Amino acid sequence: MPGIVRARHFTRHAALAFLAGALMGAVYWALSVPSPAPPLLGLTGLAGIVAGERIVTAIRNRPSRRRPVPSATAKSPAASAPTSQEPTHDSP
């Protein structure tokens, strides 16, 4: 559920940023002033930078799927007792 809340929060902010940019574009058009925005190729490069940063962050923050390796020095006598899945040597 927290992921959905974050997605809605981001979407709302992205929509507001887009609307503000569109409004400023209309103002620049009405005043016949060239927009100070970079060309489309530059904007796609910026989008790639942001996407790459988010991908790397997501990979680094994901939980590890590896199991921790038990150390050999931390064995206790109870840990060396046979479990129900291990065969015992007492049976014929």
N, C-alpha and C. Protein backbone atom coordinates (compact mmCIF):
# COMPACT_ATOMS: atom_id res chain seq x y z
N MET A 1 0.80 -1.20 0.00
CA MET A 1 0.00 0.00 0.00
C MET A 1 0.85 1.27 0.00
N PRO A 2 1.98 1.33 0.73
CA PRO A 2 2.79 2.55 0.71
C PRO A 2 3.31 2.88 -0.68
N GLY A 3 3.55 1.85 -1.51
CA GLY A 3 4.02 2.10 -2.87
C GLY A 3 2.97 2.81 -3.70
N ILE A 4 1.71 2.46 -3.49
CA ILE A 4 0.62 3.11 -4.22
C ILE A 4 0.49 4.56 -3.80
N VAL A 5 0.64 4.82 -2.51
CA VAL A 5 0.55 6.19 -2.01
C VAL A 5 1.68 7.03 -2.59
N ARG A 6 2.89 6.46 -2.64
CA ARG A 6 4.02 7.19 -3.22
C ARG A 6 3.80 7.44 -4.70
N ALA A 7 3.23 6.47 -5.42
CA ALA A 7 2.98 6.63 -6.84
C ALA A 7 1.96 7.74 -7.08
N ARG A 8 0.92 7.78 -6.27
CA ARG A 8 -0.08 8.84 -6.41
C ARG A 8 0.53 10.20 -6.10
N HIS A 9 1.36 10.25 -5.06
CA HIS A 9 2.03 11.50 -4.68
C HIS A 9 2.91 11.98 -5.83
N PHE A 10 3.69 11.08 -6.42
CA PHE A 10 4.57 11.44 -7.53
C PHE A 10 3.75 11.89 -8.73
N THR A 11 2.67 11.16 -9.04
CA THR A 11 1.84 11.49 -10.20
C THR A 11 1.23 12.87 -10.05
N ARG A 12 0.77 13.18 -8.85
CA ARG A 12 0.19 14.50 -8.61
C ARG A 12 1.23 15.60 -8.83
N HIS A 13 2.42 15.40 -8.31
CA HIS A 13 3.49 16.40 -8.48
C HIS A 13 3.93 16.50 -9.93
N ALA A 14 4.01 15.37 -10.63
CA ALA A 14 4.40 15.40 -12.03
C ALA A 14 3.35 16.12 -12.87
N ALA A 15 2.08 15.90 -12.57
CA ALA A 15 1.01 16.57 -13.31
C ALA A 15 1.05 18.08 -13.07
N LEU A 16 1.27 18.48 -11.82
CA LEU A 16 1.37 19.92 -11.51
C LEU A 16 2.57 20.55 -12.22
N ALA A 17 3.70 19.84 -12.24
CA ALA A 17 4.88 20.36 -12.92
C ALA A 17 4.63 20.49 -14.42
N PHE A 18 3.95 19.50 -15.01
CA PHE A 18 3.64 19.56 -16.43
C PHE A 18 2.71 20.73 -16.74
N LEU A 19 1.68 20.91 -15.91
CA LEU A 19 0.74 22.01 -16.13
C LEU A 19 1.43 23.37 -15.98
N ALA A 20 2.31 23.49 -15.02
CA ALA A 20 3.05 24.75 -14.85
C ALA A 20 3.93 25.01 -16.07
N GLY A 21 4.58 23.97 -16.57
CA GLY A 21 5.41 24.13 -17.76
C GLY A 21 4.58 24.49 -18.99
N ALA A 22 3.41 23.86 -19.13
CA ALA A 22 2.54 24.18 -20.27
C ALA A 22 2.05 25.62 -20.18
N LEU A 23 1.71 26.07 -18.97
CA LEU A 23 1.27 27.45 -18.78
C LEU A 23 2.39 28.43 -19.16
N MET A 24 3.61 28.14 -18.70
CA MET A 24 4.73 29.02 -19.04
C MET A 24 5.03 28.99 -20.54
N GLY A 25 4.86 27.83 -21.16
CA GLY A 25 5.02 27.76 -22.61
C GLY A 25 4.02 28.62 -23.34
N ALA A 26 2.78 28.64 -22.84
CA ALA A 26 1.75 29.49 -23.44
C ALA A 26 2.09 30.97 -23.26
N VAL A 27 2.64 31.32 -22.09
CA VAL A 27 3.04 32.71 -21.83
C VAL A 27 4.17 33.11 -22.78
N TYR A 28 5.18 32.25 -22.95
CA TYR A 28 6.28 32.54 -23.87
C TYR A 28 5.74 32.68 -25.29
N TRP A 29 4.79 31.82 -25.69
CA TRP A 29 4.22 31.90 -27.03
C TRP A 29 3.45 33.20 -27.20
N ALA A 30 2.64 33.59 -26.19
CA ALA A 30 1.85 34.81 -26.28
C ALA A 30 2.74 36.05 -26.38
N LEU A 31 3.87 36.03 -25.73
CA LEU A 31 4.81 37.16 -25.76
C LEU A 31 5.78 37.09 -26.93
N SER A 32 5.71 36.03 -27.73
CA SER A 32 6.62 35.79 -28.86
C SER A 32 8.07 35.79 -28.43
N VAL A 33 8.32 35.18 -27.29
CA VAL A 33 9.67 35.06 -26.75
C VAL A 33 10.12 33.61 -26.92
N PRO A 34 11.35 33.38 -27.40
CA PRO A 34 11.80 31.99 -27.51
C PRO A 34 11.94 31.34 -26.14
N SER A 35 11.55 30.11 -26.05
CA SER A 35 11.59 29.38 -24.79
C SER A 35 13.03 29.08 -24.40
N PRO A 36 13.37 29.23 -23.12
CA PRO A 36 14.74 28.92 -22.69
C PRO A 36 14.96 27.42 -22.45
N ALA A 37 13.97 26.60 -22.78
CA ALA A 37 14.09 25.16 -22.55
C ALA A 37 15.09 24.56 -23.53
N PRO A 38 15.80 23.51 -23.12
CA PRO A 38 16.73 22.85 -24.03
C PRO A 38 15.97 22.13 -25.15
N PRO A 39 16.66 21.80 -26.25
CA PRO A 39 16.00 21.08 -27.33
C PRO A 39 15.53 19.69 -26.88
N LEU A 40 14.67 19.07 -27.67
CA LEU A 40 14.08 17.79 -27.31
C LEU A 40 15.15 16.72 -27.08
N LEU A 41 16.23 16.74 -27.86
CA LEU A 41 17.30 15.76 -27.67
C LEU A 41 17.94 15.90 -26.28
N GLY A 42 18.10 17.11 -25.82
CA GLY A 42 18.65 17.33 -24.48
C GLY A 42 17.71 16.85 -23.39
N LEU A 43 16.41 17.04 -23.61
CA LEU A 43 15.43 16.58 -22.62
C LEU A 43 15.38 15.06 -22.55
N THR A 44 15.53 14.38 -23.68
CA THR A 44 15.54 12.91 -23.64
C THR A 44 16.80 12.42 -22.94
N GLY A 45 17.91 13.12 -23.09
CA GLY A 45 19.12 12.75 -22.36
C GLY A 45 18.94 12.91 -20.86
N LEU A 46 18.28 13.99 -20.45
CA LEU A 46 17.99 14.19 -19.03
C LEU A 46 17.06 13.10 -18.50
N ALA A 47 16.08 12.72 -19.31
CA ALA A 47 15.16 11.64 -18.88
C ALA A 47 15.94 10.34 -18.70
N GLY A 48 16.91 10.07 -19.57
CA GLY A 48 17.74 8.87 -19.43
C GLY A 48 18.58 8.91 -18.16
N ILE A 49 19.10 10.07 -17.83
CA ILE A 49 19.90 10.21 -16.61
C ILE A 49 19.04 9.93 -15.38
N VAL A 50 17.85 10.50 -15.34
CA VAL A 50 16.95 10.30 -14.20
C VAL A 50 16.54 8.83 -14.11
N ALA A 51 16.19 8.21 -15.25
CA ALA A 51 15.79 6.80 -15.24
C ALA A 51 16.93 5.91 -14.77
N GLY A 52 18.14 6.15 -15.25
CA GLY A 52 19.29 5.36 -14.82
C GLY A 52 19.56 5.49 -13.34
N GLU A 53 19.44 6.69 -12.82
CA GLU A 53 19.66 6.91 -11.39
C GLU A 53 18.62 6.16 -10.56
N ARG A 54 17.38 6.18 -11.01
CA ARG A 54 16.32 5.49 -10.26
C ARG A 54 16.48 3.98 -10.33
N ILE A 55 16.91 3.47 -11.47
CA ILE A 55 17.10 2.02 -11.61
C ILE A 55 18.21 1.55 -10.69
N VAL A 56 19.33 2.25 -10.68
CA VAL A 56 20.45 1.87 -9.81
C VAL A 56 20.05 1.96 -8.35
N THR A 57 19.31 2.99 -7.98
CA THR A 57 18.85 3.13 -6.60
C THR A 57 17.92 1.99 -6.22
N ALA A 58 17.02 1.61 -7.12
CA ALA A 58 16.10 0.50 -6.84
C ALA A 58 16.85 -0.81 -6.68
N ILE A 59 17.87 -1.03 -7.50
CA ILE A 59 18.66 -2.27 -7.40
C ILE A 59 19.43 -2.30 -6.10
N ARG A 60 20.01 -1.19 -5.71
CA ARG A 60 20.78 -1.16 -4.46
C ARG A 60 19.90 -1.31 -3.22
N ASN A 61 18.67 -0.83 -3.29
CA ASN A 61 17.79 -0.85 -2.12
C ASN A 61 16.95 -2.11 -2.02
N ARG A 62 17.01 -2.99 -3.01
CA ARG A 62 16.17 -4.20 -2.94
C ARG A 62 16.73 -5.13 -1.88
N PRO A 63 15.86 -5.89 -1.25
CA PRO A 63 16.34 -6.83 -0.23
C PRO A 63 17.17 -7.94 -0.86
N SER A 64 18.18 -8.36 -0.16
CA SER A 64 19.05 -9.41 -0.66
C SER A 64 18.33 -10.74 -0.62
N ARG A 65 18.52 -11.53 -1.67
CA ARG A 65 17.88 -12.85 -1.73
C ARG A 65 18.80 -13.95 -1.23
N ARG A 66 20.00 -13.61 -0.88
CA ARG A 66 20.94 -14.61 -0.39
C ARG A 66 20.68 -14.89 1.08
N ARG A 67 20.87 -16.15 1.45
CA ARG A 67 20.74 -16.51 2.86
C ARG A 67 22.06 -16.25 3.56
N PRO A 68 22.02 -15.80 4.79
CA PRO A 68 23.28 -15.59 5.50
C PRO A 68 23.97 -16.93 5.75
N VAL A 69 25.28 -16.95 5.57
CA VAL A 69 26.06 -18.17 5.77
C VAL A 69 26.41 -18.28 7.25
N PRO A 70 26.04 -19.40 7.91
CA PRO A 70 26.38 -19.54 9.33
C PRO A 70 27.89 -19.74 9.48
N SER A 71 28.44 -19.12 10.48
CA SER A 71 29.87 -19.26 10.70
C SER A 71 30.16 -20.58 11.40
N ALA A 72 31.33 -21.16 11.16
CA ALA A 72 31.71 -22.45 11.74
C ALA A 72 31.98 -22.33 13.24
N THR A 73 32.37 -21.16 13.69
CA THR A 73 32.70 -20.99 15.11
C THR A 73 31.46 -20.77 15.96
N ALA A 74 30.31 -20.49 15.35
CA ALA A 74 29.11 -20.20 16.11
C ALA A 74 28.25 -21.43 16.36
N LYS A 75 28.76 -22.63 16.07
CA LYS A 75 27.97 -23.85 16.28
C LYS A 75 27.82 -24.13 17.76
N SER A 76 26.61 -24.48 18.14
CA SER A 76 26.35 -24.85 19.52
C SER A 76 26.10 -26.35 19.57
N PRO A 77 26.16 -26.99 20.73
CA PRO A 77 25.90 -28.42 20.80
C PRO A 77 24.51 -28.78 20.30
N ALA A 78 23.53 -27.93 20.50
CA ALA A 78 22.18 -28.21 20.04
C ALA A 78 22.12 -28.20 18.51
N ALA A 79 22.95 -27.40 17.90
CA ALA A 79 22.93 -27.31 16.44
C ALA A 79 23.49 -28.57 15.80
N SER A 80 24.32 -29.33 16.52
CA SER A 80 24.90 -30.54 15.93
C SER A 80 24.03 -31.77 16.14
N ALA A 81 22.93 -31.65 16.90
CA ALA A 81 22.03 -32.77 17.12
C ALA A 81 21.28 -33.08 15.83
N PRO A 82 21.03 -34.36 15.53
CA PRO A 82 20.33 -34.69 14.29
C PRO A 82 18.89 -34.20 14.33
N THR A 83 18.42 -33.78 13.17
CA THR A 83 17.03 -33.34 13.06
C THR A 83 16.19 -34.49 12.58
N SER A 84 14.90 -34.30 12.47
CA SER A 84 14.01 -35.38 12.04
C SER A 84 14.27 -35.77 10.59
N GLN A 85 14.91 -34.90 9.82
CA GLN A 85 15.18 -35.19 8.42
C GLN A 85 16.52 -35.92 8.24
N GLU A 86 17.37 -35.88 9.23
CA GLU A 86 18.67 -36.54 9.13
C GLU A 86 18.55 -37.98 9.69
N PRO A 87 19.14 -38.94 9.02
CA PRO A 87 19.06 -40.32 9.52
C PRO A 87 19.92 -40.47 10.76
N THR A 88 19.47 -41.28 11.69
CA THR A 88 20.25 -41.56 12.88
C THR A 88 20.96 -42.90 12.69
N HIS A 89 22.05 -43.08 13.41
CA HIS A 89 22.82 -44.33 13.28
C HIS A 89 22.31 -45.42 14.22
N ASP A 90 21.30 -45.12 15.02
CA ASP A 90 20.76 -46.10 15.98
C ASP A 90 19.82 -47.10 15.31
N SER A 91 19.29 -46.79 14.17
CA SER A 91 18.33 -47.69 13.53
C SER A 91 19.05 -48.84 12.83
N PRO A 92 18.43 -50.04 12.77
CA PRO A 92 19.10 -51.21 12.16
C PRO A 92 19.19 -51.16 10.67
